[in-house]
């Protein structure tokens, strides 16, 4: 039975480390990407994936089913709300007159705001 616990520990650590990397990458993209839309994309996608992986890593460690259900509910909530919030932000930015940098515009800007 200890080999199963060892495998669950390994999977948990892998998921936690991958989730941490995704959250860090999203934060880095938020700082480094050139315009609002690409920053929002980096933050929205990587936060959703990172939070999902962290919750999955925590799910491998739980011993009580009630805690597992709560983690799954949090995972479902984040999976539904994070993409919806990113979409709402993008739509409101477009309605506000902000346009994404494309092609030559992006090269001319040099990635600076």
Foldseek 3Di string as FASTA:
>chain_A
DVVVVVVLLVLLVVLLVQLVVLCVQLVVQLVQAQDDLSNLVSVLVSNLSSLLSNLVSVLSVDDDVVVNVVSVVVNVVSVPPSVVVSVVVVVVCVVVPDDDQDDPSCVVCVSHD
